[in-house]
């Protein structure tokens, strides 16, 4: 859907399997929940951490959008 495409634009560089089946949205409340995402191994490279990420899994990610503070 449109929301999944928009999220892919911003979150897609960090996770590899984002689609609408991993997405729960309450637009009026500003809640976005993502579940069962695969972290891209190269997603954390820019942080220059002293570790190498081989694989990663994000079970649940909740994003609160403060609509009243954006406008």
PDB file of N, CA and C in Angstrom:
ATOM      1  N   UNK A   1       0.806  -1.177   0.000  1.00  0.00           N
ATOM      2  CA  UNK A   1       0.000   0.000   0.000  1.00  0.00           C
ATOM      3  C   UNK A   1       0.860   1.256   0.000  1.00  0.00           C
ATOM      4  N   UNK A   2       0.207   2.361   0.011  1.00  0.00           N
ATOM      5  CA  UNK A   2       0.873   3.661  -0.045  1.00  0.00           C
ATOM      6  C   UNK A   2       1.742   3.900   1.186  1.00  0.00           C
ATOM      7  N   UNK A   3       1.223   3.558   2.369  1.00  0.00           N
ATOM      8  CA  UNK A   3       1.983   3.774   3.604  1.00  0.00           C
ATOM      9  C   UNK A   3       3.229   2.895   3.626  1.00  0.00           C
ATOM     10  N   UNK A   4       3.084   1.634   3.205  1.00  0.00           N
ATOM     11  CA  UNK A   4       4.241   0.731   3.169  1.00  0.00           C
ATOM     12  C   UNK A   4       5.298   1.265   2.213  1.00  0.00           C
ATOM     13  N   UNK A   5       4.872   1.807   1.079  1.00  0.00           N
ATOM     14  CA  UNK A   5       5.823   2.385   0.124  1.00  0.00           C
ATOM     15  C   UNK A   5       6.547   3.590   0.727  1.00  0.00           C
ATOM     16  N   UNK A   6       5.814   4.427   1.436  1.00  0.00           N
ATOM     17  CA  UNK A   6       6.417   5.596   2.075  1.00  0.00           C
ATOM     18  C   UNK A   6       7.412   5.177   3.154  1.00  0.00           C
ATOM     19  N   UNK A   7       7.030   4.189   3.968  1.00  0.00           N
ATOM     20  CA  UNK A   7       7.942   3.694   5.004  1.00  0.00           C
ATOM     21  C   UNK A   7       9.177   3.051   4.387  1.00  0.00           C
ATOM     22  N   UNK A   8       8.992   2.329   3.282  1.00  0.00           N
ATOM     23  CA  UNK A   8      10.134   1.716   2.601  1.00  0.00           C
ATOM     24  C   UNK A   8      11.137   2.763   2.161  1.00  0.00           C
ATOM     25  N   UNK A   9      10.649   3.934   1.783  1.00  0.00           N
ATOM     26  CA  UNK A   9      11.539   5.011   1.356  1.00  0.00           C
ATOM     27  C   UNK A   9      12.506   5.401   2.472  1.00  0.00           C
ATOM     28  N   UNK A  10      12.017   5.406   3.717  1.00  0.00           N
ATOM     29  CA  UNK A  10      12.830   5.845   4.847  1.00  0.00           C
ATOM     30  C   UNK A  10      13.428   4.703   5.664  1.00  0.00           C
ATOM     31  N   UNK A  11      12.699   3.612   5.794  1.00  0.00           N
ATOM     32  CA  UNK A  11      13.135   2.504   6.644  1.00  0.00           C
ATOM     33  C   UNK A  11      13.767   1.383   5.820  1.00  0.00           C
ATOM     34  N   UNK A  12      13.494   1.363   4.519  1.00  0.00           N
ATOM     35  CA  UNK A  12      13.957   0.285   3.652  1.00  0.00           C
ATOM     36  C   UNK A  12      15.462   0.109   3.589  1.00  0.00           C
ATOM     37  N   UNK A  13      16.224   1.153   3.878  1.00  0.00           N
ATOM     38  CA  UNK A  13      17.680   0.997   3.871  1.00  0.00           C
ATOM     39  C   UNK A  13      18.175   0.248   5.099  1.00  0.00           C
ATOM     40  N   UNK A  14      17.302   0.086   6.097  1.00  0.00           N
ATOM     41  CA  UNK A  14      17.675  -0.623   7.324  1.00  0.00           C
ATOM     42  C   UNK A  14      17.092  -2.030   7.414  1.00  0.00           C
ATOM     43  N   UNK A  15      15.933  -2.253   6.784  1.00  0.00           N
ATOM     44  CA  UNK A  15      15.286  -3.566   6.834  1.00  0.00           C
ATOM     45  C   UNK A  15      14.987  -4.052   5.422  1.00  0.00           C
ATOM     46  N   UNK A  16      14.897  -5.384   5.271  1.00  0.00           N
ATOM     47  CA  UNK A  16      14.776  -5.923   3.923  1.00  0.00           C
ATOM     48  C   UNK A  16      13.408  -6.471   3.561  1.00  0.00           C
ATOM     49  N   UNK A  17      12.515  -6.669   4.502  1.00  0.00           N
ATOM     50  CA  UNK A  17      11.254  -7.321   4.151  1.00  0.00           C
ATOM     51  C   UNK A  17      10.026  -6.525   4.567  1.00  0.00           C
ATOM     52  N   UNK A  18      10.078  -5.221   4.452  1.00  0.00           N
ATOM     53  CA  UNK A  18       8.957  -4.382   4.866  1.00  0.00           C
ATOM     54  C   UNK A  18       7.867  -4.384   3.800  1.00  0.00           C
ATOM     55  N   UNK A  19       6.695  -4.872   4.171  1.00  0.00           N
ATOM     56  CA  UNK A  19       5.512  -4.770   3.320  1.00  0.00           C
ATOM     57  C   UNK A  19       4.297  -4.619   4.227  1.00  0.00           C
ATOM     58  N   UNK A  20       3.122  -4.514   3.652  1.00  0.00           N
ATOM     59  CA  UNK A  20       1.929  -4.221   4.446  1.00  0.00           C
ATOM     60  C   UNK A  20       1.580  -5.317   5.447  1.00  0.00           C
ATOM     61  N   UNK A  21       2.062  -6.544   5.248  1.00  0.00           N
ATOM     62  CA  UNK A  21       1.773  -7.613   6.208  1.00  0.00           C
ATOM     63  C   UNK A  21       2.549  -7.429   7.516  1.00  0.00           C
ATOM     64  N   UNK A  22       3.555  -6.577   7.520  1.00  0.00           N
ATOM     65  CA  UNK A  22       4.372  -6.306   8.706  1.00  0.00           C
ATOM     66  C   UNK A  22       3.993  -4.974   9.363  1.00  0.00           C
ATOM     67  N   UNK A  23       2.859  -4.420   8.950  1.00  0.00           N
ATOM     68  CA  UNK A  23       2.526  -3.047   9.285  1.00  0.00           C
ATOM     69  C   UNK A  23       1.151  -2.939   9.936  1.00  0.00           C
ATOM     70  N   UNK A  24       1.067  -2.178  11.021  1.00  0.00           N
ATOM     71  CA  UNK A  24      -0.203  -1.867  11.671  1.00  0.00           C
ATOM     72  C   UNK A  24      -0.201  -0.363  11.935  1.00  0.00           C
ATOM     73  N   UNK A  25      -1.200   0.335  11.402  1.00  0.00           N
ATOM     74  CA  UNK A  25      -1.203   1.794  11.472  1.00  0.00           C
ATOM     75  C   UNK A  25      -2.507   2.314  12.069  1.00  0.00           C
ATOM     76  N   UNK A  26      -2.381   3.296  12.937  1.00  0.00           N
ATOM     77  CA  UNK A  26      -3.511   4.081  13.421  1.00  0.00           C
ATOM     78  C   UNK A  26      -3.157   5.533  13.108  1.00  0.00           C
ATOM     79  N   UNK A  27      -3.561   5.987  11.936  1.00  0.00           N
ATOM     80  CA  UNK A  27      -3.137   7.296  11.438  1.00  0.00           C
ATOM     81  C   UNK A  27      -3.577   8.433  12.357  1.00  0.00           C
ATOM     82  N   UNK A  28      -4.823   8.414  12.820  1.00  0.00           N
ATOM     83  CA  UNK A  28      -5.314   9.513  13.653  1.00  0.00           C
ATOM     84  C   UNK A  28      -4.582   9.603  14.980  1.00  0.00           C
ATOM     85  N   UNK A  29      -4.193   8.463  15.535  1.00  0.00           N
ATOM     86  CA  UNK A  29      -3.452   8.458  16.797  1.00  0.00           C
ATOM     87  C   UNK A  29      -1.959   8.668  16.570  1.00  0.00           C
ATOM     88  N   UNK A  30      -1.502   8.523  15.331  1.00  0.00           N
ATOM     89  CA  UNK A  30      -0.085   8.685  15.041  1.00  0.00           C
ATOM     90  C   UNK A  30       0.748   7.473  15.389  1.00  0.00           C
ATOM     91  N   UNK A  31       0.121   6.298  15.445  1.00  0.00           N
ATOM     92  CA  UNK A  31       0.834   5.066  15.792  1.00  0.00           C
ATOM     93  C   UNK A  31       1.169   4.259  14.546  1.00  0.00           C
ATOM     94  N   UNK A  32       2.411   3.850  14.435  1.00  0.00           N
ATOM     95  CA  UNK A  32       2.854   2.943  13.380  1.00  0.00           C
ATOM     96  C   UNK A  32       3.602   1.807  14.066  1.00  0.00           C
ATOM     97  N   UNK A  33       3.184   0.572  13.818  1.00  0.00           N
ATOM     98  CA  UNK A  33       3.855  -0.583  14.399  1.00  0.00           C
ATOM     99  C   UNK A  33       4.336  -1.501  13.287  1.00  0.00           C
ATOM    100  N   UNK A  34       5.591  -1.894  13.381  1.00  0.00           N
ATOM    101  CA  UNK A  34       6.206  -2.804  12.423  1.00  0.00           C
ATOM    102  C   UNK A  34       6.611  -4.068  13.171  1.00  0.00           C
ATOM    103  N   UNK A  35       6.400  -5.232  12.556  1.00  0.00           N
ATOM    104  CA  UNK A  35       6.736  -6.491  13.212  1.00  0.00           C
ATOM    105  C   UNK A  35       7.494  -7.418  12.275  1.00  0.00           C
ATOM    106  N   UNK A  36       8.294  -8.283  12.879  1.00  0.00           N
ATOM    107  CA  UNK A  36       9.037  -9.339  12.169  1.00  0.00           C
ATOM    108  C   UNK A  36       9.820  -8.828  10.966  1.00  0.00           C
ATOM    109  N   UNK A  37      10.721  -7.907  11.217  1.00  0.00           N
ATOM    110  CA  UNK A  37      11.545  -7.337  10.154  1.00  0.00           C
ATOM    111  C   UNK A  37      12.953  -7.917  10.202  1.00  0.00           C
ATOM    112  N   UNK A  38      13.568  -8.062   9.040  1.00  0.00           N
ATOM    113  CA  UNK A  38      14.947  -8.521   8.946  1.00  0.00           C
ATOM    114  C   UNK A  38      15.860  -7.312   8.759  1.00  0.00           C
ATOM    115  N   UNK A  39      16.788  -7.148   9.671  1.00  0.00           N
ATOM    116  CA  UNK A  39      17.743  -6.050   9.600  1.00  0.00           C
ATOM    117  C   UNK A  39      18.763  -6.329   8.499  1.00  0.00           C
ATOM    118  N   UNK A  40      19.009  -5.345   7.665  1.00  0.00           N
ATOM    119  CA  UNK A  40      20.044  -5.495   6.631  1.00  0.00           C
ATOM    120  C   UNK A  40      21.410  -5.456   7.318  1.00  0.00           C
ATOM    121  N   UNK A  41      22.289  -6.397   7.019  1.00  0.00           N
ATOM    122  CA  UNK A  41      23.610  -6.419   7.665  1.00  0.00           C
ATOM    123  C   UNK A  41      24.388  -5.117   7.481  1.00  0.00           C
ATOM    124  N   UNK A  42      24.226  -4.454   6.354  1.00  0.00           N
ATOM    125  CA  UNK A  42      24.963  -3.215   6.089  1.00  0.00           C
ATOM    126  C   UNK A  42      24.297  -1.986   6.717  1.00  0.00           C
ATOM    127  N   UNK A  43      23.141  -2.161   7.352  1.00  0.00           N
ATOM    128  CA  UNK A  43      22.378  -1.034   7.887  1.00  0.00           C
ATOM    129  C   UNK A  43      23.132  -0.248   8.950  1.00  0.00           C
ATOM    130  N   UNK A  44      23.989  -0.897   9.707  1.00  0.00           N
ATOM    131  CA  UNK A  44      24.689  -0.226  10.800  1.00  0.00           C
ATOM    132  C   UNK A  44      26.138   0.121  10.468  1.00  0.00           C
ATOM    133  N   UNK A  45      26.552  -0.099   9.243  1.00  0.00           N
ATOM    134  CA  UNK A  45      27.928   0.161   8.831  1.00  0.00           C
ATOM    135  C   UNK A  45      28.342   1.610   9.077  1.00  0.00           C
ATOM    136  N   UNK A  46      27.454   2.548   8.804  1.00  0.00           N
ATOM    137  CA  UNK A  46      27.781   3.971   8.950  1.00  0.00           C
ATOM    138  C   UNK A  46      28.074   4.365  10.399  1.00  0.00           C
ATOM    139  N   UNK A  47      27.678   3.533  11.347  1.00  0.00           N
ATOM    140  CA  UNK A  47      27.931   3.844  12.758  1.00  0.00           C
ATOM    141  C   UNK A  47      29.357   3.526  13.185  1.00  0.00           C
ATOM    142  N   UNK A  48      30.109   2.844  12.311  1.00  0.00           N
ATOM    143  CA  UNK A  48      31.501   2.472  12.587  1.00  0.00           C
ATOM    144  C   UNK A  48      31.663   1.762  13.931  1.00  0.00           C
ATOM    145  N   UNK A  49      30.794   0.815  14.183  1.00  0.00           N
ATOM    146  CA  UNK A  49      30.875   0.035  15.421  1.00  0.00           C
ATOM    147  C   UNK A  49      31.997  -0.990  15.324  1.00  0.00           C
ATOM    148  N   UNK A  50      32.580  -1.374  16.440  1.00  0.00           N
ATOM    149  CA  UNK A  50      33.675  -2.354  16.409  1.00  0.00           C
ATOM    150  C   UNK A  50      33.166  -3.797  16.306  1.00  0.00           C
ATOM    151  N   UNK A  51      32.013  -3.980  15.652  1.00  0.00           N
ATOM    152  CA  UNK A  51      31.443  -5.309  15.441  1.00  0.00           C
ATOM    153  C   UNK A  51      30.963  -5.410  14.001  1.00  0.00           C
ATOM    154  N   UNK A  52      30.837  -6.628  13.527  1.00  0.00           N
ATOM    155  CA  UNK A  52      30.296  -6.866  12.195  1.00  0.00           C
ATOM    156  C   UNK A  52      28.945  -7.541  12.356  1.00  0.00           C
ATOM    157  N   UNK A  53      27.924  -6.944  11.785  1.00  0.00           N
ATOM    158  CA  UNK A  53      26.579  -7.510  11.864  1.00  0.00           C
ATOM    159  C   UNK A  53      26.408  -8.505  10.724  1.00  0.00           C
ATOM    160  N   UNK A  54      26.117  -9.748  11.063  1.00  0.00           N
ATOM    161  CA  UNK A  54      25.878 -10.793  10.059  1.00  0.00           C
ATOM    162  C   UNK A  54      24.395 -10.905   9.731  1.00  0.00           C
ATOM    163  N   UNK A  55      23.551 -10.755  10.754  1.00  0.00           N
ATOM    164  CA  UNK A  55      22.101 -10.849  10.584  1.00  0.00           C
ATOM    165  C   UNK A  55      21.440 -10.167  11.767  1.00  0.00           C
ATOM    166  N   UNK A  56      20.215  -9.771  11.579  1.00  0.00           N
ATOM    167  CA  UNK A  56      19.482  -9.149  12.670  1.00  0.00           C
ATOM    168  C   UNK A  56      17.987  -9.271  12.455  1.00  0.00           C
ATOM    169  N   UNK A  57      17.261  -9.298  13.537  1.00  0.00           N
ATOM    170  CA  UNK A  57      15.808  -9.424  13.489  1.00  0.00           C
ATOM    171  C   UNK A  57      15.197  -8.397  14.432  1.00  0.00           C
ATOM    172  N   UNK A  58      14.202  -7.685  13.950  1.00  0.00           N
ATOM    173  CA  UNK A  58      13.461  -6.741  14.778  1.00  0.00           C
ATOM    174  C   UNK A  58      12.071  -7.331  14.962  1.00  0.00           C
ATOM    175  N   UNK A  59      11.769  -7.745  16.177  1.00  0.00           N
ATOM    176  CA  UNK A  59      10.480  -8.367  16.454  1.00  0.00           C
ATOM    177  C   UNK A  59       9.333  -7.373  16.448  1.00  0.00           C
ATOM    178  N   UNK A  60       9.554  -6.198  17.052  1.00  0.00           N
ATOM    179  CA  UNK A  60       8.486  -5.207  17.158  1.00  0.00           C
ATOM    180  C   UNK A  60       9.100  -3.815  17.250  1.00  0.00           C
ATOM    181  N   UNK A  61       8.636  -2.917  16.407  1.00  0.00           N
ATOM    182  CA  UNK A  61       9.094  -1.531  16.415  1.00  0.00           C
ATOM    183  C   UNK A  61       7.867  -0.633  16.390  1.00  0.00           C
ATOM    184  N   UNK A  62       7.767   0.275  17.352  1.00  0.00           N
ATOM    185  CA  UNK A  62       6.630   1.199  17.408  1.00  0.00           C
ATOM    186  C   UNK A  62       7.138   2.618  17.202  1.00  0.00           C
ATOM    187  N   UNK A  63       6.471   3.328  16.304  1.00  0.00           N
ATOM    188  CA  UNK A  63       6.808   4.714  16.004  1.00  0.00           C
ATOM    189  C   UNK A  63       5.597   5.574  16.342  1.00  0.00           C
ATOM    190  N   UNK A  64       5.794   6.582  17.169  1.00  0.00           N
ATOM    191  CA  UNK A  64       4.730   7.534  17.504  1.00  0.00           C
ATOM    192  C   UNK A  64       4.975   8.817  16.725  1.00  0.00           C
ATOM    193  N   UNK A  65       3.990   9.218  15.929  1.00  0.00           N
ATOM    194  CA  UNK A  65       4.103  10.433  15.129  1.00  0.00           C
ATOM    195  C   UNK A  65       3.306  11.541  15.824  1.00  0.00           C
ATOM    196  N   UNK A  66       3.975  12.584  16.298  1.00  0.00           N
ATOM    197  CA  UNK A  66       3.285  13.673  17.008  1.00  0.00           C
ATOM    198  C   UNK A  66       2.665  14.674  16.024  1.00  0.00           C
ATOM    199  N   UNK A  67       1.520  14.304  15.434  1.00  0.00           N
ATOM    200  CA  UNK A  67       0.901  15.132  14.403  1.00  0.00           C
ATOM    201  C   UNK A  67       0.741  16.585  14.837  1.00  0.00           C
ATOM    202  N   UNK A  68       0.327  16.814  16.085  1.00  0.00           N
ATOM    203  CA  UNK A  68       0.075  18.191  16.531  1.00  0.00           C
ATOM    204  C   UNK A  68       1.351  19.020  16.599  1.00  0.00           C
ATOM    205  N   UNK A  69       2.481  18.370  16.741  1.00  0.00           N
ATOM    206  CA  UNK A  69       3.744  19.095  16.809  1.00  0.00           C
ATOM    207  C   UNK A  69       4.374  19.297  15.434  1.00  0.00           C
ATOM    208  N   UNK A  70       3.854  18.611  14.425  1.00  0.00           N
ATOM    209  CA  UNK A  70       4.411  18.729  13.079  1.00  0.00           C
ATOM    210  C   UNK A  70       3.817  19.899  12.301  1.00  0.00           C
ATOM    211  N   UNK A  71       2.622  20.306  12.682  1.00  0.00           N
ATOM    212  CA  UNK A  71       1.942  21.363  11.921  1.00  0.00           C
ATOM    213  C   UNK A  71       1.635  22.546  12.786  1.00  0.00           C
TER     214      UNK A  71
END
